[in-house]
Amino acid sequence: MPVHSAGLGLTGAATAQVSTPHTSVTLEQCRQGGGTVSSRPYAGEYCSGGTYSNSPIA
């Protein structure tokens, strides 16, 4: 039983890592990953969708 619980813990950790936003990306990186640039009030421009979704634009 403990082995099964450890497996679930590892799966959860991997999922959390994937959803972590990227560091700043360039406009080209955002577009190449399938995203578009969107503007957020008081926060600047961010990549929306694609590989770099929710990443700030450098």
C-alpha atoms as a PDB file:
ATOM      1  CA  MET A   1       0.000   0.000   0.000  1.00  0.00           C
ATOM      2  CA  PRO A   2       2.727   2.610   0.779  1.00  0.00           C
ATOM      3  CA  VAL A   3       4.321   1.984  -2.644  1.00  0.00           C
ATOM      4  CA  HIS A   4       1.045   2.942  -4.352  1.00  0.00           C
ATOM      5  CA  SER A   5       0.839   6.174  -2.349  1.00  0.00           C
ATOM      6  CA  ALA A   6       4.387   7.108  -3.336  1.00  0.00           C
ATOM      7  CA  GLY A   7       3.452   6.663  -6.991  1.00  0.00           C
ATOM      8  CA  LEU A   8       0.536   9.037  -6.629  1.00  0.00           C
ATOM      9  CA  GLY A   9       2.765  11.590  -4.949  1.00  0.00           C
ATOM     10  CA  LEU A  10       5.195  11.537  -7.859  1.00  0.00           C
ATOM     11  CA  THR A  11       2.382  12.004 -10.358  1.00  0.00           C
ATOM     12  CA  GLY A  12       1.111  15.033  -8.453  1.00  0.00           C
ATOM     13  CA  ALA A  13       4.579  16.561  -8.364  1.00  0.00           C
ATOM     14  CA  ALA A  14       5.025  16.139 -12.117  1.00  0.00           C
ATOM     15  CA  THR A  15       1.651  17.763 -12.784  1.00  0.00           C
ATOM     16  CA  ALA A  16       2.499  20.742 -10.585  1.00  0.00           C
ATOM     17  CA  GLN A  17       5.782  21.242 -12.411  1.00  0.00           C
ATOM     18  CA  VAL A  18       4.087  21.333 -15.821  1.00  0.00           C
ATOM     19  CA  SER A  19       1.598  24.012 -14.763  1.00  0.00           C
ATOM     20  CA  THR A  20       4.303  26.350 -13.425  1.00  0.00           C
ATOM     21  CA  PRO A  21       4.540  29.467 -15.609  1.00  0.00           C
ATOM     22  CA  HIS A  22       7.723  30.008 -17.593  1.00  0.00           C
ATOM     23  CA  THR A  23      10.101  32.870 -17.038  1.00  0.00           C
ATOM     24  CA  SER A  24      10.004  35.833 -19.411  1.00  0.00           C
ATOM     25  CA  VAL A  25       9.851  34.980 -23.108  1.00  0.00           C
ATOM     26  CA  THR A  26      10.291  37.017 -26.277  1.00  0.00           C
ATOM     27  CA  LEU A  27       7.483  37.829 -28.705  1.00  0.00           C
ATOM     28  CA  GLU A  28       8.956  35.323 -31.153  1.00  0.00           C
ATOM     29  CA  GLN A  29       9.026  32.526 -28.567  1.00  0.00           C
ATOM     30  CA  CYS A  30       5.416  33.204 -27.636  1.00  0.00           C
ATOM     31  CA  ARG A  31       4.248  33.074 -31.248  1.00  0.00           C
ATOM     32  CA  GLN A  32       6.362  30.027 -32.127  1.00  0.00           C
ATOM     33  CA  GLY A  33       4.775  28.148 -29.220  1.00  0.00           C
ATOM     34  CA  GLY A  34       1.315  28.861 -30.640  1.00  0.00           C
ATOM     35  CA  GLY A  35       0.433  31.743 -28.329  1.00  0.00           C
ATOM     36  CA  THR A  36      -0.650  35.321 -28.816  1.00  0.00           C
ATOM     37  CA  VAL A  37       0.352  38.425 -26.888  1.00  0.00           C
ATOM     38  CA  SER A  38      -2.212  39.910 -24.535  1.00  0.00           C
ATOM     39  CA  SER A  39      -1.992  42.923 -22.273  1.00  0.00           C
ATOM     40  CA  ARG A  40      -2.953  42.885 -18.594  1.00  0.00           C
ATOM     41  CA  PRO A  41      -3.688  46.088 -16.718  1.00  0.00           C
ATOM     42  CA  TYR A  42      -0.838  46.981 -14.333  1.00  0.00           C
ATOM     43  CA  ALA A  43       1.076  43.803 -15.278  1.00  0.00           C
ATOM     44  CA  GLY A  44       2.293  44.396 -18.837  1.00  0.00           C
ATOM     45  CA  GLU A  45       2.189  41.995 -21.757  1.00  0.00           C
ATOM     46  CA  TYR A  46       1.805  38.243 -21.351  1.00  0.00           C
ATOM     47  CA  CYS A  47       1.748  35.261 -23.677  1.00  0.00           C
ATOM     48  CA  SER A  48      -1.751  33.821 -23.936  1.00  0.00           C
ATOM     49  CA  GLY A  49      -2.118  30.179 -24.962  1.00  0.00           C
ATOM     50  CA  GLY A  50       0.449  27.877 -26.517  1.00  0.00           C
ATOM     51  CA  THR A  51       3.612  26.538 -24.936  1.00  0.00           C
ATOM     52  CA  TYR A  52       4.425  29.695 -22.973  1.00  0.00           C
ATOM     53  CA  SER A  53       0.919  30.561 -21.741  1.00  0.00           C
ATOM     54  CA  ASN A  54       0.895  33.040 -18.824  1.00  0.00           C
ATOM     55  CA  SER A  55       4.574  33.899 -19.298  1.00  0.00           C
ATOM     56  CA  PRO A  56       5.507  37.585 -19.204  1.00  0.00           C
ATOM     57  CA  ILE A  57       6.889  39.067 -22.412  1.00  0.00           C
ATOM     58  CA  ALA A  58      10.449  40.353 -22.041  1.00  0.00           C
END
